[in-house]
């Protein structure tokens, strides 16, 4: 298959090929995933990282001219996460912002370090509430 503007692409890889992001991350300090040696295809495992390590790894330091460099709001992330979800079916009512945030945190399995390093809130109470949800979820899983 010949793509007019982007060169040859086989039927196996109709895009520009497989993603190699996680592989390239292995050469950076404190990647959030580590390559599992000897796996084919390559497999990765999550590594526990501190808030500072995650922020240092993911937050853009030299943002482009039209990018603020700000962390995304957790509410925006929750709204994006549920964009194709029937909220009435999922929540049995119209959820509040806090309920959307809490459900997204649980669905995504975000821990406290990830939540505080990668997201911001429109008000700090939302992050406090999210931390409470995480600790409640941890207690329920025991």
Foldseek 3Di string as FASTA:
>chain_A
DADPPPGDDDPVGPDPDDDCVVVVCQPPPPDQWDWDPPDVVIDIDGDDDALVSVLVVPQDDDDDPPDPSDAAALLVVLCVVCVPPPCCVVPVDDDDSLVSSLVVCVVVVDALSCDVNRHDHPDCVSSVSNNVSVVVVVVVVD
